């Protein structure tokens, strides 16, 4: 594994990179190599938080690392730690005679202290990550709740608008019905006025006694040549002018002989033809009741 691969793995896993730069020609190379082969050092380098890399300074990669690490003596041990900027920074460097003179225990101590400091950094970074994650989750929850509140408000607004529209349509329909009923009533009144003549005082006269549904009786004289529909016109005007409950669909009948005058043919009969002359008693009904 080359340095580039070690760097990528370090940035991905937050592990340390331990670089050992050495020269096989150095007179103390075997001594330092023996130190690294001690069991306590090997055990430490087996830690998942350390990525070891040994490179000869006589290789192209070794020359590049020597320049990167500002090496002034060999052998050299450097420990690099990943940073937030996707780079590695040197947190431990021991080189030349100082490294040669180090015992395995001393080197182990340096590496353990470096690893502990790194683990503290990792723990702090993890704590910050968890804190950011909690903040993001809380923000997402708050955003969701806010959006839900907005949607509920929009839904209420839509329902209120729908209700206002429903009430408006109902009001329009009601006003239309009232207007049509009033127009129909006005037409009936106008038609009745056009049919009804004044009460006659001479000539062939028919006297009609009307018995209303309430039991009230009305007596009125008509010309015997007037038609049955004139009787209904009279009742229509009578109800209107006396503020009585209107009967839009008036029915007329007599008890003896038993007969009703509700068809169009009946309405076109004269009172004489309908056998109501010279006088008759007619029961008034509401045909829509």
C-alpha atoms as a PDB file:
ATOM      1  CA  UNK A   1       0.000   0.000   0.000  1.00  0.00           C
ATOM      2  CA  UNK A   2       1.426   3.363  -1.011  1.00  0.00           C
ATOM      3  CA  UNK A   3       1.192   6.661   0.819  1.00  0.00           C
ATOM      4  CA  UNK A   4      -1.762   7.876  -1.294  1.00  0.00           C
ATOM      5  CA  UNK A   5      -3.772   4.781  -0.362  1.00  0.00           C
ATOM      6  CA  UNK A   6      -2.809   5.171   3.312  1.00  0.00           C
ATOM      7  CA  UNK A   7      -3.920   8.796   3.200  1.00  0.00           C
ATOM      8  CA  UNK A   8      -7.306   7.883   1.690  1.00  0.00           C
ATOM      9  CA  UNK A   9      -7.882   5.193   4.298  1.00  0.00           C
ATOM     10  CA  UNK A  10      -6.838   7.545   7.089  1.00  0.00           C
ATOM     11  CA  UNK A  11      -9.228  10.263   5.948  1.00  0.00           C
ATOM     12  CA  UNK A  12     -11.997   7.690   5.628  1.00  0.00           C
ATOM     13  CA  UNK A  13     -11.465   5.909   8.965  1.00  0.00           C
ATOM     14  CA  UNK A  14      -9.835   8.691  11.053  1.00  0.00           C
ATOM     15  CA  UNK A  15      -6.851   6.408  11.663  1.00  0.00           C
ATOM     16  CA  UNK A  16      -3.279   7.587  12.187  1.00  0.00           C
ATOM     17  CA  UNK A  17      -0.601   6.986   9.552  1.00  0.00           C
ATOM     18  CA  UNK A  18       2.775   5.912  10.916  1.00  0.00           C
ATOM     19  CA  UNK A  19       5.561   6.485   8.361  1.00  0.00           C
ATOM     20  CA  UNK A  20       8.951   4.844   8.818  1.00  0.00           C
ATOM     21  CA  UNK A  21      11.591   6.286   6.466  1.00  0.00           C
ATOM     22  CA  UNK A  22      14.797   4.326   6.452  1.00  0.00           C
ATOM     23  CA  UNK A  23      17.902   3.561   4.425  1.00  0.00           C
ATOM     24  CA  UNK A  24      19.022  -0.060   4.173  1.00  0.00           C
ATOM     25  CA  UNK A  25      22.571   1.290   3.942  1.00  0.00           C
ATOM     26  CA  UNK A  26      22.387   3.091   7.300  1.00  0.00           C
ATOM     27  CA  UNK A  27      24.659   1.521   9.859  1.00  0.00           C
ATOM     28  CA  UNK A  28      21.909   1.498  12.512  1.00  0.00           C
ATOM     29  CA  UNK A  29      19.142   0.291  10.197  1.00  0.00           C
ATOM     30  CA  UNK A  30      19.110  -3.214  11.676  1.00  0.00           C
ATOM     31  CA  UNK A  31      18.979  -1.886  15.237  1.00  0.00           C
ATOM     32  CA  UNK A  32      15.969   0.304  14.575  1.00  0.00           C
ATOM     33  CA  UNK A  33      14.296  -2.486  12.585  1.00  0.00           C
ATOM     34  CA  UNK A  34      14.788  -4.801  15.552  1.00  0.00           C
ATOM     35  CA  UNK A  35      13.104  -2.243  17.804  1.00  0.00           C
ATOM     36  CA  UNK A  36      10.067  -2.159  15.521  1.00  0.00           C
ATOM     37  CA  UNK A  37       9.985  -5.945  15.539  1.00  0.00           C
ATOM     38  CA  UNK A  38       9.567  -6.110  19.319  1.00  0.00           C
ATOM     39  CA  UNK A  39       6.249  -7.703  20.364  1.00  0.00           C
ATOM     40  CA  UNK A  40       4.964  -4.617  22.194  1.00  0.00           C
ATOM     41  CA  UNK A  41       5.604  -2.417  19.139  1.00  0.00           C
ATOM     42  CA  UNK A  42       4.048  -4.927  16.730  1.00  0.00           C
ATOM     43  CA  UNK A  43       1.004  -5.207  19.023  1.00  0.00           C
ATOM     44  CA  UNK A  44       0.665  -1.440  19.075  1.00  0.00           C
ATOM     45  CA  UNK A  45       0.995  -1.150  15.283  1.00  0.00           C
ATOM     46  CA  UNK A  46      -1.743  -3.778  14.929  1.00  0.00           C
ATOM     47  CA  UNK A  47      -4.228  -1.297  16.404  1.00  0.00           C
ATOM     48  CA  UNK A  48      -6.979  -0.486  13.931  1.00  0.00           C
ATOM     49  CA  UNK A  49      -6.352   3.217  14.535  1.00  0.00           C
ATOM     50  CA  UNK A  50      -2.791   3.047  13.148  1.00  0.00           C
ATOM     51  CA  UNK A  51      -1.857   2.479   9.499  1.00  0.00           C
ATOM     52  CA  UNK A  52       1.858   1.615   9.262  1.00  0.00           C
ATOM     53  CA  UNK A  53       3.910   2.441   6.163  1.00  0.00           C
ATOM     54  CA  UNK A  54       7.590   1.660   5.733  1.00  0.00           C
ATOM     55  CA  UNK A  55       9.411   3.307   2.843  1.00  0.00           C
ATOM     56  CA  UNK A  56      13.025   3.357   1.718  1.00  0.00           C
ATOM     57  CA  UNK A  57      14.455   6.803   1.110  1.00  0.00           C
ATOM     58  CA  UNK A  58      16.052   5.425  -2.026  1.00  0.00           C
ATOM     59  CA  UNK A  59      12.618   5.038  -3.659  1.00  0.00           C
ATOM     60  CA  UNK A  60      10.739   7.793  -5.456  1.00  0.00           C
ATOM     61  CA  UNK A  61       7.977   7.662  -2.817  1.00  0.00           C
ATOM     62  CA  UNK A  62      10.587   7.814  -0.057  1.00  0.00           C
ATOM     63  CA  UNK A  63      12.129  10.922  -1.579  1.00  0.00           C
ATOM     64  CA  UNK A  64       8.720  12.573  -1.808  1.00  0.00           C
ATOM     65  CA  UNK A  65       7.892  11.721   1.816  1.00  0.00           C
ATOM     66  CA  UNK A  66      11.293  12.960   2.985  1.00  0.00           C
ATOM     67  CA  UNK A  67      10.527  16.306   1.400  1.00  0.00           C
ATOM     68  CA  UNK A  68       6.949  16.303   2.728  1.00  0.00           C
ATOM     69  CA  UNK A  69       8.118  15.526   6.276  1.00  0.00           C
ATOM     70  CA  UNK A  70      11.133  17.881   6.169  1.00  0.00           C
ATOM     71  CA  UNK A  71      13.441  15.010   7.050  1.00  0.00           C
ATOM     72  CA  UNK A  72      16.953  16.082   8.122  1.00  0.00           C
ATOM     73  CA  UNK A  73      18.198  12.753   9.486  1.00  0.00           C
ATOM     74  CA  UNK A  74      17.456   9.063   9.162  1.00  0.00           C
ATOM     75  CA  UNK A  75      15.903   6.770  10.112  1.00  0.00           C
ATOM     76  CA  UNK A  76      12.687   8.724  10.719  1.00  0.00           C
ATOM     77  CA  UNK A  77       9.363   7.918  12.301  1.00  0.00           C
ATOM     78  CA  UNK A  78       6.449  10.273  11.776  1.00  0.00           C
ATOM     79  CA  UNK A  79       2.823   9.957  12.853  1.00  0.00           C
ATOM     80  CA  UNK A  80       0.263  11.836  10.760  1.00  0.00           C
ATOM     81  CA  UNK A  81      -3.264  12.669  11.805  1.00  0.00           C
ATOM     82  CA  UNK A  82      -6.212  13.391   9.441  1.00  0.00           C
ATOM     83  CA  UNK A  83      -7.658  16.912   9.580  1.00  0.00           C
ATOM     84  CA  UNK A  84     -10.997  18.436   8.606  1.00  0.00           C
ATOM     85  CA  UNK A  85      -9.422  19.836   5.446  1.00  0.00           C
ATOM     86  CA  UNK A  86      -8.844  16.342   4.041  1.00  0.00           C
ATOM     87  CA  UNK A  87      -5.121  16.617   4.696  1.00  0.00           C
ATOM     88  CA  UNK A  88      -2.696  14.943   7.082  1.00  0.00           C
ATOM     89  CA  UNK A  89      -0.719  16.821   9.719  1.00  0.00           C
ATOM     90  CA  UNK A  90       2.389  15.646  11.557  1.00  0.00           C
ATOM     91  CA  UNK A  91       1.760  15.177  15.275  1.00  0.00           C
ATOM     92  CA  UNK A  92       4.913  13.185  16.107  1.00  0.00           C
ATOM     93  CA  UNK A  93       8.328  13.094  14.420  1.00  0.00           C
ATOM     94  CA  UNK A  94      11.456  11.381  15.703  1.00  0.00           C
ATOM     95  CA  UNK A  95      14.517  11.120  13.486  1.00  0.00           C
ATOM     96  CA  UNK A  96      18.218  10.386  13.314  1.00  0.00           C
ATOM     97  CA  UNK A  97      20.232   9.651  16.459  1.00  0.00           C
ATOM     98  CA  UNK A  98      17.261  10.357  18.739  1.00  0.00           C
ATOM     99  CA  UNK A  99      15.308   7.499  17.156  1.00  0.00           C
ATOM    100  CA  UNK A 100      18.331   5.204  17.118  1.00  0.00           C
ATOM    101  CA  UNK A 101      18.874   5.664  20.851  1.00  0.00           C
ATOM    102  CA  UNK A 102      15.206   5.058  21.755  1.00  0.00           C
ATOM    103  CA  UNK A 103      14.427   1.805  23.505  1.00  0.00           C
ATOM    104  CA  UNK A 104      11.392  -0.217  22.500  1.00  0.00           C
ATOM    105  CA  UNK A 105       9.668   0.842  25.738  1.00  0.00           C
ATOM    106  CA  UNK A 106      10.372   4.542  25.084  1.00  0.00           C
ATOM    107  CA  UNK A 107       9.161   4.284  21.504  1.00  0.00           C
ATOM    108  CA  UNK A 108       6.076   2.457  22.738  1.00  0.00           C
ATOM    109  CA  UNK A 109       5.435   5.286  25.200  1.00  0.00           C
ATOM    110  CA  UNK A 110       5.704   7.957  22.502  1.00  0.00           C
ATOM    111  CA  UNK A 111       3.357   6.044  20.226  1.00  0.00           C
ATOM    112  CA  UNK A 112       0.832   5.285  23.007  1.00  0.00           C
ATOM    113  CA  UNK A 113       0.733   8.937  24.079  1.00  0.00           C
ATOM    114  CA  UNK A 114       0.227   9.993  20.475  1.00  0.00           C
ATOM    115  CA  UNK A 115      -2.524   7.409  20.021  1.00  0.00           C
ATOM    116  CA  UNK A 116      -4.279   8.539  23.213  1.00  0.00           C
ATOM    117  CA  UNK A 117      -4.198  12.163  22.098  1.00  0.00           C
ATOM    118  CA  UNK A 118      -5.572  11.102  18.748  1.00  0.00           C
ATOM    119  CA  UNK A 119      -8.326   9.085  20.382  1.00  0.00           C
ATOM    120  CA  UNK A 120      -9.308  12.139  22.414  1.00  0.00           C
ATOM    121  CA  UNK A 121      -9.475  14.122  19.198  1.00  0.00           C
ATOM    122  CA  UNK A 122     -11.531  11.364  17.572  1.00  0.00           C
ATOM    123  CA  UNK A 123     -13.862  11.256  20.581  1.00  0.00           C
ATOM    124  CA  UNK A 124     -14.312  15.031  20.406  1.00  0.00           C
ATOM    125  CA  UNK A 125     -14.960  14.879  16.675  1.00  0.00           C
ATOM    126  CA  UNK A 126     -17.469  12.065  17.182  1.00  0.00           C
ATOM    127  CA  UNK A 127     -19.196  14.029  19.937  1.00  0.00           C
ATOM    128  CA  UNK A 128     -19.411  17.046  17.623  1.00  0.00           C
ATOM    129  CA  UNK A 129     -20.689  14.832  14.812  1.00  0.00           C
ATOM    130  CA  UNK A 130     -23.374  13.387  17.063  1.00  0.00           C
ATOM    131  CA  UNK A 131     -24.256  16.874  18.264  1.00  0.00           C
ATOM    132  CA  UNK A 132     -24.554  18.099  14.664  1.00  0.00           C
ATOM    133  CA  UNK A 133     -26.599  15.025  13.804  1.00  0.00           C
ATOM    134  CA  UNK A 134     -28.936  15.670  16.735  1.00  0.00           C
ATOM    135  CA  UNK A 135     -29.186  19.332  15.721  1.00  0.00           C
ATOM    136  CA  UNK A 136     -29.955  18.311  12.140  1.00  0.00           C
ATOM    137  CA  UNK A 137     -32.551  15.797  13.328  1.00  0.00           C
ATOM    138  CA  UNK A 138     -34.104  18.402  15.625  1.00  0.00           C
ATOM    139  CA  UNK A 139     -34.088  20.958  12.824  1.00  0.00           C
ATOM    140  CA  UNK A 140     -35.625  18.423  10.444  1.00  0.00           C
ATOM    141  CA  UNK A 141     -38.265  17.585  13.050  1.00  0.00           C
ATOM    142  CA  UNK A 142     -38.990  21.265  13.635  1.00  0.00           C
ATOM    143  CA  UNK A 143     -39.154  21.862   9.876  1.00  0.00           C
ATOM    144  CA  UNK A 144     -41.523  18.905   9.504  1.00  0.00           C
ATOM    145  CA  UNK A 145     -43.708  20.163  12.359  1.00  0.00           C
ATOM    146  CA  UNK A 146     -43.663  23.675  10.905  1.00  0.00           C
ATOM    147  CA  UNK A 147     -44.576  22.330   7.464  1.00  0.00           C
ATOM    148  CA  UNK A 148     -47.314  20.196   9.029  1.00  0.00           C
ATOM    149  CA  UNK A 149     -48.638  23.300  10.809  1.00  0.00           C
ATOM    150  CA  UNK A 150     -48.536  25.254   7.548  1.00  0.00           C
ATOM    151  CA  UNK A 151     -50.327  22.431   5.741  1.00  0.00           C
ATOM    152  CA  UNK A 152     -52.940  22.272   8.508  1.00  0.00           C
ATOM    153  CA  UNK A 153     -53.419  26.041   8.208  1.00  0.00           C
ATOM    154  CA  UNK A 154     -53.678  25.740   4.425  1.00  0.00           C
ATOM    155  CA  UNK A 155     -56.176  22.886   4.818  1.00  0.00           C
ATOM    156  CA  UNK A 156     -58.256  24.950   7.269  1.00  0.00           C
ATOM    157  CA  UNK A 157     -58.103  27.876   4.859  1.00  0.00           C
ATOM    158  CA  UNK A 158     -59.224  25.642   1.986  1.00  0.00           C
ATOM    159  CA  UNK A 159     -62.048  24.258   4.121  1.00  0.00           C
ATOM    160  CA  UNK A 160     -63.078  27.777   5.141  1.00  0.00           C
ATOM    161  CA  UNK A 161     -62.990  28.908   1.516  1.00  0.00           C
ATOM    162  CA  UNK A 162     -64.995  25.834   0.500  1.00  0.00           C
ATOM    163  CA  UNK A 163     -67.498  26.564   3.273  1.00  0.00           C
ATOM    164  CA  UNK A 164     -67.770  30.208   2.221  1.00  0.00           C
ATOM    165  CA  UNK A 165     -68.254  29.093  -1.378  1.00  0.00           C
ATOM    166  CA  UNK A 166     -70.879  26.570  -0.307  1.00  0.00           C
ATOM    167  CA  UNK A 167     -72.730  29.198   1.720  1.00  0.00           C
ATOM    168  CA  UNK A 168     -72.461  31.659  -1.167  1.00  0.00           C
ATOM    169  CA  UNK A 169     -73.928  29.109  -3.593  1.00  0.00           C
ATOM    170  CA  UNK A 170     -76.663  28.221  -1.123  1.00  0.00           C
ATOM    171  CA  UNK A 171     -77.456  31.906  -0.649  1.00  0.00           C
ATOM    172  CA  UNK A 172     -77.522  32.441  -4.403  1.00  0.00           C
ATOM    173  CA  UNK A 173     -79.755  29.400  -4.842  1.00  0.00           C
ATOM    174  CA  UNK A 174     -82.028  30.557  -2.044  1.00  0.00           C
ATOM    175  CA  UNK A 175     -82.258  34.045  -3.493  1.00  0.00           C
ATOM    176  CA  UNK A 176     -82.941  32.539  -6.924  1.00  0.00           C
ATOM    177  CA  UNK A 177     -85.748  30.372  -5.516  1.00  0.00           C
ATOM    178  CA  UNK A 178     -87.219  33.347  -3.620  1.00  0.00           C
ATOM    179  CA  UNK A 179     -86.937  35.502  -6.717  1.00  0.00           C
ATOM    180  CA  UNK A 180     -88.569  32.868  -8.921  1.00  0.00           C
ATOM    181  CA  UNK A 181     -91.317  32.300  -6.370  1.00  0.00           C
ATOM    182  CA  UNK A 182     -91.933  36.025  -6.152  1.00  0.00           C
ATOM    183  CA  UNK A 183     -91.952  36.316  -9.943  1.00  0.00           C
ATOM    184  CA  UNK A 184     -94.383  33.402 -10.182  1.00  0.00           C
ATOM    185  CA  UNK A 185     -96.579  35.016  -7.513  1.00  0.00           C
ATOM    186  CA  UNK A 186     -96.456  38.386  -9.277  1.00  0.00           C
ATOM    187  CA  UNK A 187     -97.388  36.677 -12.546  1.00  0.00           C
ATOM    188  CA  UNK A 188    -100.309  34.961 -10.852  1.00  0.00           C
ATOM    189  CA  UNK A 189    -101.469  38.255  -9.353  1.00  0.00           C
ATOM    190  CA  UNK A 190    -101.148  40.045 -12.707  1.00  0.00           C
ATOM    191  CA  UNK A 191    -102.978  37.221 -14.481  1.00  0.00           C
ATOM    192  CA  UNK A 192    -105.716  37.272 -11.835  1.00  0.00           C
ATOM    193  CA  UNK A 193    -106.157  41.039 -12.138  1.00  0.00           C
ATOM    194  CA  UNK A 194    -106.454  40.722 -15.907  1.00  0.00           C
ATOM    195  CA  UNK A 195    -109.235  38.122 -15.532  1.00  0.00           C
ATOM    196  CA  UNK A 196    -111.291  39.581 -12.711  1.00  0.00           C
ATOM    197  CA  UNK A 197    -114.056  42.105 -13.386  1.00  0.00           C
ATOM    198  CA  UNK A 198    -115.874  44.140 -10.816  1.00  0.00           C
ATOM    199  CA  UNK A 199    -118.674  42.521  -8.815  1.00  0.00           C
ATOM    200  CA  UNK A 200    -121.884  42.739 -10.935  1.00  0.00           C
ATOM    201  CA  UNK A 201    -125.094  44.367  -9.643  1.00  0.00           C
ATOM    202  CA  UNK A 202    -127.485  43.413 -12.453  1.00  0.00           C
ATOM    203  CA  UNK A 203    -127.867  40.957 -15.299  1.00  0.00           C
ATOM    204  CA  UNK A 204    -127.365  37.222 -14.975  1.00  0.00           C
ATOM    205  CA  UNK A 205    -125.635  36.887 -11.626  1.00  0.00           C
ATOM    206  CA  UNK A 206    -124.178  33.856  -9.854  1.00  0.00           C
ATOM    207  CA  UNK A 207    -123.491  33.989  -6.123  1.00  0.00           C
ATOM    208  CA  UNK A 208    -120.648  31.789  -4.899  1.00  0.00           C
ATOM    209  CA  UNK A 209    -120.019  30.965  -1.275  1.00  0.00           C
ATOM    210  CA  UNK A 210    -116.366  29.918  -0.819  1.00  0.00           C
ATOM    211  CA  UNK A 211    -115.385  27.797   2.180  1.00  0.00           C
ATOM    212  CA  UNK A 212    -111.656  28.205   2.841  1.00  0.00           C
ATOM    213  CA  UNK A 213    -109.472  25.427   4.325  1.00  0.00           C
ATOM    214  CA  UNK A 214    -109.547  27.373   7.611  1.00  0.00           C
ATOM    215  CA  UNK A 215    -113.358  27.175   7.651  1.00  0.00           C
ATOM    216  CA  UNK A 216    -113.754  30.860   6.904  1.00  0.00           C
ATOM    217  CA  UNK A 217    -116.496  31.709   4.366  1.00  0.00           C
ATOM    218  CA  UNK A 218    -116.441  34.307   1.612  1.00  0.00           C
ATOM    219  CA  UNK A 219    -119.406  35.300  -0.506  1.00  0.00           C
ATOM    220  CA  UNK A 220    -119.038  37.028  -3.856  1.00  0.00           C
ATOM    221  CA  UNK A 221    -121.168  37.640  -6.934  1.00  0.00           C
ATOM    222  CA  UNK A 222    -119.964  36.928 -10.495  1.00  0.00           C
ATOM    223  CA  UNK A 223    -121.484  37.179 -13.913  1.00  0.00           C
ATOM    224  CA  UNK A 224    -122.936  33.848 -14.972  1.00  0.00           C
ATOM    225  CA  UNK A 225    -120.994  34.127 -18.241  1.00  0.00           C
ATOM    226  CA  UNK A 226    -117.658  34.372 -16.392  1.00  0.00           C
ATOM    227  CA  UNK A 227    -115.490  31.294 -16.361  1.00  0.00           C
ATOM    228  CA  UNK A 228    -114.522  29.032 -13.473  1.00  0.00           C
ATOM    229  CA  UNK A 229    -110.917  30.266 -13.672  1.00  0.00           C
ATOM    230  CA  UNK A 230    -112.187  33.711 -12.702  1.00  0.00           C
ATOM    231  CA  UNK A 231    -113.229  32.209  -9.354  1.00  0.00           C
ATOM    232  CA  UNK A 232    -109.656  31.131  -8.771  1.00  0.00           C
ATOM    233  CA  UNK A 233    -108.398  34.551  -9.859  1.00  0.00           C
ATOM    234  CA  UNK A 234    -110.699  36.138  -7.276  1.00  0.00           C
ATOM    235  CA  UNK A 235    -109.329  33.878  -4.535  1.00  0.00           C
ATOM    236  CA  UNK A 236    -105.740  34.615  -5.566  1.00  0.00           C
ATOM    237  CA  UNK A 237    -106.318  38.360  -5.255  1.00  0.00           C
ATOM    238  CA  UNK A 238    -108.294  37.932  -2.046  1.00  0.00           C
ATOM    239  CA  UNK A 239    -105.424  36.065  -0.370  1.00  0.00           C
ATOM    240  CA  UNK A 240    -102.896  38.630  -1.613  1.00  0.00           C
ATOM    241  CA  UNK A 241    -104.848  41.740  -0.645  1.00  0.00           C
ATOM    242  CA  UNK A 242    -105.791  40.416   2.791  1.00  0.00           C
ATOM    243  CA  UNK A 243    -102.304  39.103   3.687  1.00  0.00           C
ATOM    244  CA  UNK A 244    -103.578  35.546   3.924  1.00  0.00           C
ATOM    245  CA  UNK A 245    -101.487  32.476   3.202  1.00  0.00           C
ATOM    246  CA  UNK A 246    -101.383  32.084  -0.551  1.00  0.00           C
ATOM    247  CA  UNK A 247    -102.594  28.899  -2.241  1.00  0.00           C
ATOM    248  CA  UNK A 248    -100.669  28.762  -5.565  1.00  0.00           C
ATOM    249  CA  UNK A 249    -102.523  25.713  -6.824  1.00  0.00           C
ATOM    250  CA  UNK A 250    -106.193  26.291  -5.902  1.00  0.00           C
ATOM    251  CA  UNK A 251    -108.686  23.447  -6.076  1.00  0.00           C
ATOM    252  CA  UNK A 252    -112.479  23.950  -6.126  1.00  0.00           C
ATOM    253  CA  UNK A 253    -115.125  21.323  -5.468  1.00  0.00           C
ATOM    254  CA  UNK A 254    -118.770  21.069  -4.481  1.00  0.00           C
ATOM    255  CA  UNK A 255    -120.306  18.429  -2.239  1.00  0.00           C
ATOM    256  CA  UNK A 256    -123.696  18.135  -3.958  1.00  0.00           C
ATOM    257  CA  UNK A 257    -123.610  17.086  -6.562  1.00  0.00           C
ATOM    258  CA  UNK A 258    -120.082  15.785  -5.983  1.00  0.00           C
ATOM    259  CA  UNK A 259    -117.838  17.575  -8.468  1.00  0.00           C
ATOM    260  CA  UNK A 260    -114.413  19.202  -8.705  1.00  0.00           C
ATOM    261  CA  UNK A 261    -113.181  21.931 -11.024  1.00  0.00           C
ATOM    262  CA  UNK A 262    -109.443  21.344 -11.287  1.00  0.00           C
ATOM    263  CA  UNK A 263    -108.737  20.529 -14.932  1.00  0.00           C
ATOM    264  CA  UNK A 264    -108.085  23.102 -17.648  1.00  0.00           C
ATOM    265  CA  UNK A 265    -111.317  22.077 -19.356  1.00  0.00           C
ATOM    266  CA  UNK A 266    -113.235  22.728 -16.136  1.00  0.00           C
ATOM    267  CA  UNK A 267    -111.614  26.132 -15.743  1.00  0.00           C
ATOM    268  CA  UNK A 268    -112.748  27.181 -19.217  1.00  0.00           C
ATOM    269  CA  UNK A 269    -116.410  26.456 -18.418  1.00  0.00           C
ATOM    270  CA  UNK A 270    -118.692  29.377 -17.679  1.00  0.00           C
ATOM    271  CA  UNK A 271    -120.449  29.351 -14.334  1.00  0.00           C
ATOM    272  CA  UNK A 272    -123.674  28.643 -16.207  1.00  0.00           C
ATOM    273  CA  UNK A 273    -122.079  25.682 -18.035  1.00  0.00           C
ATOM    274  CA  UNK A 274    -120.556  24.385 -14.797  1.00  0.00           C
ATOM    275  CA  UNK A 275    -124.030  24.327 -13.194  1.00  0.00           C
ATOM    276  CA  UNK A 276    -122.949  26.814 -10.545  1.00  0.00           C
ATOM    277  CA  UNK A 277    -125.595  29.391 -11.416  1.00  0.00           C
ATOM    278  CA  UNK A 278    -127.535  30.976  -9.835  1.00  0.00           C
ATOM    279  CA  UNK A 279    -125.682  30.063  -6.634  1.00  0.00           C
ATOM    280  CA  UNK A 280    -123.328  27.423  -5.273  1.00  0.00           C
ATOM    281  CA  UNK A 281    -121.141  26.527  -2.336  1.00  0.00           C
ATOM    282  CA  UNK A 282    -117.524  25.676  -3.279  1.00  0.00           C
ATOM    283  CA  UNK A 283    -114.909  24.104  -1.047  1.00  0.00           C
ATOM    284  CA  UNK A 284    -111.434  25.595  -1.515  1.00  0.00           C
ATOM    285  CA  UNK A 285    -108.475  23.181  -1.351  1.00  0.00           C
ATOM    286  CA  UNK A 286    -104.711  23.477  -1.630  1.00  0.00           C
ATOM    287  CA  UNK A 287    -103.861  20.895  -4.301  1.00  0.00           C
ATOM    288  CA  UNK A 288    -100.171  20.952  -3.290  1.00  0.00           C
ATOM    289  CA  UNK A 289    -100.859  20.220   0.380  1.00  0.00           C
END
